[in-house]
């Protein structure tokens, strides 16, 4: 029996786990560090994507979509009332035979950064820009169909008007269009 005990003891020594070498430990540590760095980079990328998507869903106050992604935030604009300062704009609409007239007060918010449009000292339009704005406003309003003036189409109407102004003055010149009074008779 003593021989059997010796054999069992010998087997026990062979079955003992071997201590990992330092190379194996270093490879594990390097692998863990690389995985942590990749995980952090992935988390940062996902966070950036989520933030830009969420920020893209915030109403932009009329930022221009013509500039690529669109202008989400902007400096305070300069507000200019179109037409007569007291009366606003008075035009015939719906064609010459419709007999309909539109009297509206339309205020346009201009980008103060557009130096060729806005005079910084007086916070008003330069004369050539004012002529273009009044021409575009008159032509746009006169060419609109009577159905375009429906209340449920007002946001689309304002967007098209803003796009027409930006086309005449240069992309990004107009932030938004506001209609403060509207009389169609």
C-alpha atoms as a PDB file:
ATOM      1  CA  UNK A   1       0.000   0.000   0.000  1.00  0.00           C
ATOM      2  CA  UNK A   2       2.711   2.459   0.604  1.00  0.00           C
ATOM      3  CA  UNK A   3       3.544   2.261  -3.064  1.00  0.00           C
ATOM      4  CA  UNK A   4      -0.010   3.174  -4.020  1.00  0.00           C
ATOM      5  CA  UNK A   5       0.109   6.254  -1.791  1.00  0.00           C
ATOM      6  CA  UNK A   6       3.306   7.340  -3.443  1.00  0.00           C
ATOM      7  CA  UNK A   7       1.743   6.977  -6.853  1.00  0.00           C
ATOM      8  CA  UNK A   8      -1.272   9.029  -5.763  1.00  0.00           C
ATOM      9  CA  UNK A   9       1.008  11.695  -4.368  1.00  0.00           C
ATOM     10  CA  UNK A  10       2.967  11.733  -7.618  1.00  0.00           C
ATOM     11  CA  UNK A  11      -0.190  12.111  -9.632  1.00  0.00           C
ATOM     12  CA  UNK A  12      -1.212  15.018  -7.412  1.00  0.00           C
ATOM     13  CA  UNK A  13       1.953  16.880  -8.228  1.00  0.00           C
ATOM     14  CA  UNK A  14       1.457  16.463 -11.951  1.00  0.00           C
ATOM     15  CA  UNK A  15      -2.183  17.659 -11.726  1.00  0.00           C
ATOM     16  CA  UNK A  16      -1.228  20.890  -9.963  1.00  0.00           C
ATOM     17  CA  UNK A  17      -1.878  23.917 -12.199  1.00  0.00           C
ATOM     18  CA  UNK A  18       1.143  25.512 -13.679  1.00  0.00           C
ATOM     19  CA  UNK A  19       1.759  29.187 -12.942  1.00  0.00           C
ATOM     20  CA  UNK A  20       1.199  31.252 -16.111  1.00  0.00           C
ATOM     21  CA  UNK A  21       4.241  32.856 -17.549  1.00  0.00           C
ATOM     22  CA  UNK A  22       4.724  36.630 -17.553  1.00  0.00           C
ATOM     23  CA  UNK A  23       4.315  36.705 -21.359  1.00  0.00           C
ATOM     24  CA  UNK A  24       0.818  35.285 -21.013  1.00  0.00           C
ATOM     25  CA  UNK A  25      -0.077  37.904 -18.353  1.00  0.00           C
ATOM     26  CA  UNK A  26       1.261  40.750 -20.526  1.00  0.00           C
ATOM     27  CA  UNK A  27      -0.756  39.592 -23.536  1.00  0.00           C
ATOM     28  CA  UNK A  28      -3.930  39.489 -21.436  1.00  0.00           C
ATOM     29  CA  UNK A  29      -3.325  42.986 -20.092  1.00  0.00           C
ATOM     30  CA  UNK A  30      -2.617  44.361 -23.566  1.00  0.00           C
ATOM     31  CA  UNK A  31      -5.754  42.683 -24.901  1.00  0.00           C
ATOM     32  CA  UNK A  32      -7.865  44.169 -22.096  1.00  0.00           C
ATOM     33  CA  UNK A  33      -6.415  47.653 -22.660  1.00  0.00           C
ATOM     34  CA  UNK A  34      -7.079  47.445 -26.411  1.00  0.00           C
ATOM     35  CA  UNK A  35     -10.668  46.274 -25.812  1.00  0.00           C
ATOM     36  CA  UNK A  36     -11.283  49.124 -23.341  1.00  0.00           C
ATOM     37  CA  UNK A  37      -9.930  51.702 -25.822  1.00  0.00           C
ATOM     38  CA  UNK A  38     -12.041  50.282 -28.663  1.00  0.00           C
ATOM     39  CA  UNK A  39     -15.091  50.247 -26.376  1.00  0.00           C
ATOM     40  CA  UNK A  40     -14.554  53.879 -25.371  1.00  0.00           C
ATOM     41  CA  UNK A  41     -14.107  54.949 -28.992  1.00  0.00           C
ATOM     42  CA  UNK A  42     -17.272  53.091 -29.954  1.00  0.00           C
ATOM     43  CA  UNK A  43     -19.207  54.676 -27.065  1.00  0.00           C
ATOM     44  CA  UNK A  44     -17.959  58.137 -28.051  1.00  0.00           C
ATOM     45  CA  UNK A  45     -18.991  57.572 -31.674  1.00  0.00           C
ATOM     46  CA  UNK A  46     -22.457  56.389 -30.690  1.00  0.00           C
ATOM     47  CA  UNK A  47     -22.859  59.327 -28.300  1.00  0.00           C
ATOM     48  CA  UNK A  48     -21.865  61.797 -31.007  1.00  0.00           C
ATOM     49  CA  UNK A  49     -24.328  60.226 -33.444  1.00  0.00           C
ATOM     50  CA  UNK A  50     -27.181  60.329 -30.903  1.00  0.00           C
ATOM     51  CA  UNK A  51     -26.480  63.932 -29.910  1.00  0.00           C
ATOM     52  CA  UNK A  52     -26.359  65.142 -33.514  1.00  0.00           C
ATOM     53  CA  UNK A  53     -29.602  63.319 -34.323  1.00  0.00           C
ATOM     54  CA  UNK A  54     -31.353  64.753 -31.255  1.00  0.00           C
ATOM     55  CA  UNK A  55     -30.024  68.238 -31.970  1.00  0.00           C
ATOM     56  CA  UNK A  56     -31.140  67.879 -35.582  1.00  0.00           C
ATOM     57  CA  UNK A  57     -34.732  67.295 -34.437  1.00  0.00           C
ATOM     58  CA  UNK A  58     -34.927  70.584 -32.529  1.00  0.00           C
ATOM     59  CA  UNK A  59     -36.886  73.182 -34.489  1.00  0.00           C
ATOM     60  CA  UNK A  60     -34.299  75.402 -36.069  1.00  0.00           C
ATOM     61  CA  UNK A  61     -36.139  78.665 -36.171  1.00  0.00           C
ATOM     62  CA  UNK A  62     -35.996  78.805 -39.931  1.00  0.00           C
ATOM     63  CA  UNK A  63     -32.416  77.799 -40.536  1.00  0.00           C
ATOM     64  CA  UNK A  64     -31.535  77.362 -44.148  1.00  0.00           C
ATOM     65  CA  UNK A  65     -31.470  73.822 -45.461  1.00  0.00           C
ATOM     66  CA  UNK A  66     -29.634  75.017 -48.570  1.00  0.00           C
ATOM     67  CA  UNK A  67     -26.383  75.208 -46.638  1.00  0.00           C
ATOM     68  CA  UNK A  68     -26.019  71.457 -46.244  1.00  0.00           C
ATOM     69  CA  UNK A  69     -27.119  70.115 -42.914  1.00  0.00           C
ATOM     70  CA  UNK A  70     -28.993  73.277 -42.052  1.00  0.00           C
ATOM     71  CA  UNK A  71     -28.451  76.030 -39.629  1.00  0.00           C
ATOM     72  CA  UNK A  72     -29.769  74.968 -36.222  1.00  0.00           C
ATOM     73  CA  UNK A  73     -28.767  77.944 -34.120  1.00  0.00           C
ATOM     74  CA  UNK A  74     -27.982  81.472 -35.177  1.00  0.00           C
ATOM     75  CA  UNK A  75     -27.235  84.893 -33.842  1.00  0.00           C
ATOM     76  CA  UNK A  76     -30.234  87.152 -33.348  1.00  0.00           C
ATOM     77  CA  UNK A  77     -31.360  88.420 -36.716  1.00  0.00           C
ATOM     78  CA  UNK A  78     -32.367  91.868 -37.848  1.00  0.00           C
ATOM     79  CA  UNK A  79     -36.115  92.250 -38.348  1.00  0.00           C
ATOM     80  CA  UNK A  80     -37.368  94.303 -41.281  1.00  0.00           C
ATOM     81  CA  UNK A  81     -40.999  94.952 -42.130  1.00  0.00           C
ATOM     82  CA  UNK A  82     -41.723  94.692 -45.833  1.00  0.00           C
ATOM     83  CA  UNK A  83     -43.660  97.331 -47.733  1.00  0.00           C
ATOM     84  CA  UNK A  84     -45.085 100.442 -46.111  1.00  0.00           C
ATOM     85  CA  UNK A  85     -44.046 100.790 -42.449  1.00  0.00           C
ATOM     86  CA  UNK A  86     -47.675 101.344 -41.334  1.00  0.00           C
ATOM     87  CA  UNK A  87     -49.705  99.483 -43.931  1.00  0.00           C
ATOM     88  CA  UNK A  88     -47.426  96.615 -44.957  1.00  0.00           C
ATOM     89  CA  UNK A  89     -47.871  95.116 -48.424  1.00  0.00           C
ATOM     90  CA  UNK A  90     -50.945  95.555 -50.621  1.00  0.00           C
ATOM     91  CA  UNK A  91     -51.112  93.443 -53.805  1.00  0.00           C
ATOM     92  CA  UNK A  92     -53.714  91.884 -56.046  1.00  0.00           C
ATOM     93  CA  UNK A  93     -53.569  88.084 -55.915  1.00  0.00           C
ATOM     94  CA  UNK A  94     -55.025  85.170 -57.823  1.00  0.00           C
ATOM     95  CA  UNK A  95     -54.517  86.693 -61.246  1.00  0.00           C
ATOM     96  CA  UNK A  96     -55.814  89.924 -62.764  1.00  0.00           C
ATOM     97  CA  UNK A  97     -59.389  88.669 -63.075  1.00  0.00           C
ATOM     98  CA  UNK A  98     -59.825  87.364 -59.554  1.00  0.00           C
ATOM     99  CA  UNK A  99     -60.500  90.788 -58.045  1.00  0.00           C
ATOM    100  CA  UNK A 100     -58.852  89.684 -54.784  1.00  0.00           C
ATOM    101  CA  UNK A 101     -56.478  91.839 -52.799  1.00  0.00           C
ATOM    102  CA  UNK A 102     -54.034  90.915 -50.076  1.00  0.00           C
ATOM    103  CA  UNK A 103     -53.004  93.297 -47.355  1.00  0.00           C
ATOM    104  CA  UNK A 104     -50.353  91.756 -45.132  1.00  0.00           C
ATOM    105  CA  UNK A 105     -47.735  92.733 -42.622  1.00  0.00           C
ATOM    106  CA  UNK A 106     -44.738  90.567 -43.276  1.00  0.00           C
ATOM    107  CA  UNK A 107     -41.592  90.781 -41.193  1.00  0.00           C
ATOM    108  CA  UNK A 108     -38.398  89.126 -42.385  1.00  0.00           C
ATOM    109  CA  UNK A 109     -35.558  88.139 -40.068  1.00  0.00           C
ATOM    110  CA  UNK A 110     -32.283  88.754 -41.885  1.00  0.00           C
ATOM    111  CA  UNK A 111     -28.877  87.304 -41.114  1.00  0.00           C
ATOM    112  CA  UNK A 112     -26.731  90.145 -39.697  1.00  0.00           C
ATOM    113  CA  UNK A 113     -23.625  88.352 -40.974  1.00  0.00           C
ATOM    114  CA  UNK A 114     -24.567  89.033 -44.601  1.00  0.00           C
ATOM    115  CA  UNK A 115     -22.758  92.344 -44.984  1.00  0.00           C
ATOM    116  CA  UNK A 116     -23.983  92.904 -48.563  1.00  0.00           C
ATOM    117  CA  UNK A 117     -27.621  92.784 -47.414  1.00  0.00           C
ATOM    118  CA  UNK A 118     -27.713  94.401 -43.961  1.00  0.00           C
ATOM    119  CA  UNK A 119     -26.137  97.695 -42.935  1.00  0.00           C
ATOM    120  CA  UNK A 120     -24.755  97.081 -39.435  1.00  0.00           C
ATOM    121  CA  UNK A 121     -24.795 100.757 -38.438  1.00  0.00           C
ATOM    122  CA  UNK A 122     -28.467 101.366 -39.211  1.00  0.00           C
ATOM    123  CA  UNK A 123     -29.737  97.761 -38.897  1.00  0.00           C
ATOM    124  CA  UNK A 124     -31.566  98.177 -42.183  1.00  0.00           C
ATOM    125  CA  UNK A 125     -31.334  96.808 -45.688  1.00  0.00           C
ATOM    126  CA  UNK A 126     -29.020  98.361 -48.218  1.00  0.00           C
ATOM    127  CA  UNK A 127     -30.995 100.054 -51.031  1.00  0.00           C
ATOM    128  CA  UNK A 128     -30.185  97.426 -53.658  1.00  0.00           C
ATOM    129  CA  UNK A 129     -31.124  94.592 -51.269  1.00  0.00           C
ATOM    130  CA  UNK A 130     -34.343  96.418 -50.341  1.00  0.00           C
ATOM    131  CA  UNK A 131     -35.314  96.674 -54.021  1.00  0.00           C
ATOM    132  CA  UNK A 132     -34.668  92.957 -54.513  1.00  0.00           C
ATOM    133  CA  UNK A 133     -36.662  92.040 -51.398  1.00  0.00           C
ATOM    134  CA  UNK A 134     -39.662  94.172 -52.373  1.00  0.00           C
ATOM    135  CA  UNK A 135     -39.574  92.833 -55.936  1.00  0.00           C
ATOM    136  CA  UNK A 136     -39.418  89.210 -54.786  1.00  0.00           C
ATOM    137  CA  UNK A 137     -42.193  89.817 -52.242  1.00  0.00           C
ATOM    138  CA  UNK A 138     -44.495  91.439 -54.776  1.00  0.00           C
ATOM    139  CA  UNK A 139     -43.853  88.842 -57.470  1.00  0.00           C
ATOM    140  CA  UNK A 140     -44.167  85.945 -55.057  1.00  0.00           C
ATOM    141  CA  UNK A 141     -47.441  87.169 -53.572  1.00  0.00           C
ATOM    142  CA  UNK A 142     -48.965  88.075 -56.944  1.00  0.00           C
ATOM    143  CA  UNK A 143     -48.077  84.739 -58.507  1.00  0.00           C
ATOM    144  CA  UNK A 144     -49.460  82.655 -55.630  1.00  0.00           C
ATOM    145  CA  UNK A 145     -52.771  80.883 -56.202  1.00  0.00           C
ATOM    146  CA  UNK A 146     -55.663  81.679 -53.869  1.00  0.00           C
ATOM    147  CA  UNK A 147     -55.406  78.171 -52.399  1.00  0.00           C
ATOM    148  CA  UNK A 148     -51.849  78.927 -51.264  1.00  0.00           C
ATOM    149  CA  UNK A 149     -53.205  81.442 -48.763  1.00  0.00           C
ATOM    150  CA  UNK A 150     -55.182  78.844 -46.769  1.00  0.00           C
ATOM    151  CA  UNK A 151     -54.349  78.809 -43.072  1.00  0.00           C
ATOM    152  CA  UNK A 152     -53.325  75.151 -43.120  1.00  0.00           C
ATOM    153  CA  UNK A 153     -50.707  75.904 -45.812  1.00  0.00           C
ATOM    154  CA  UNK A 154     -49.197  78.905 -44.019  1.00  0.00           C
ATOM    155  CA  UNK A 155     -45.969  77.197 -42.880  1.00  0.00           C
ATOM    156  CA  UNK A 156     -45.233  75.881 -46.386  1.00  0.00           C
ATOM    157  CA  UNK A 157     -46.068  79.307 -47.833  1.00  0.00           C
ATOM    158  CA  UNK A 158     -43.607  81.020 -45.458  1.00  0.00           C
ATOM    159  CA  UNK A 159     -40.898  78.462 -46.257  1.00  0.00           C
ATOM    160  CA  UNK A 160     -41.313  78.985 -50.000  1.00  0.00           C
ATOM    161  CA  UNK A 161     -41.230  82.752 -49.514  1.00  0.00           C
ATOM    162  CA  UNK A 162     -38.049  82.494 -47.422  1.00  0.00           C
ATOM    163  CA  UNK A 163     -36.465  80.263 -50.096  1.00  0.00           C
ATOM    164  CA  UNK A 164     -37.374  82.800 -52.806  1.00  0.00           C
ATOM    165  CA  UNK A 165     -35.753  85.604 -50.786  1.00  0.00           C
ATOM    166  CA  UNK A 166     -32.634  83.520 -50.138  1.00  0.00           C
ATOM    167  CA  UNK A 167     -32.421  82.761 -53.832  1.00  0.00           C
ATOM    168  CA  UNK A 168     -32.452  86.464 -54.691  1.00  0.00           C
ATOM    169  CA  UNK A 169     -30.129  87.651 -51.905  1.00  0.00           C
ATOM    170  CA  UNK A 170     -27.831  84.674 -51.481  1.00  0.00           C
ATOM    171  CA  UNK A 171     -28.128  81.517 -49.444  1.00  0.00           C
ATOM    172  CA  UNK A 172     -28.471  82.092 -45.704  1.00  0.00           C
ATOM    173  CA  UNK A 173     -29.519  85.744 -45.974  1.00  0.00           C
ATOM    174  CA  UNK A 174     -32.962  85.155 -44.469  1.00  0.00           C
ATOM    175  CA  UNK A 175     -33.497  83.275 -41.214  1.00  0.00           C
ATOM    176  CA  UNK A 176     -37.294  83.325 -41.119  1.00  0.00           C
ATOM    177  CA  UNK A 177     -40.476  85.006 -42.293  1.00  0.00           C
ATOM    178  CA  UNK A 178     -43.215  86.172 -39.919  1.00  0.00           C
ATOM    179  CA  UNK A 179     -46.728  87.187 -40.908  1.00  0.00           C
ATOM    180  CA  UNK A 180     -48.241  89.514 -38.315  1.00  0.00           C
ATOM    181  CA  UNK A 181     -51.434  90.464 -40.143  1.00  0.00           C
ATOM    182  CA  UNK A 182     -53.140  88.983 -43.151  1.00  0.00           C
ATOM    183  CA  UNK A 183     -56.264  90.251 -44.920  1.00  0.00           C
ATOM    184  CA  UNK A 184     -57.451  88.632 -48.129  1.00  0.00           C
ATOM    185  CA  UNK A 185     -60.490  90.315 -49.647  1.00  0.00           C
END
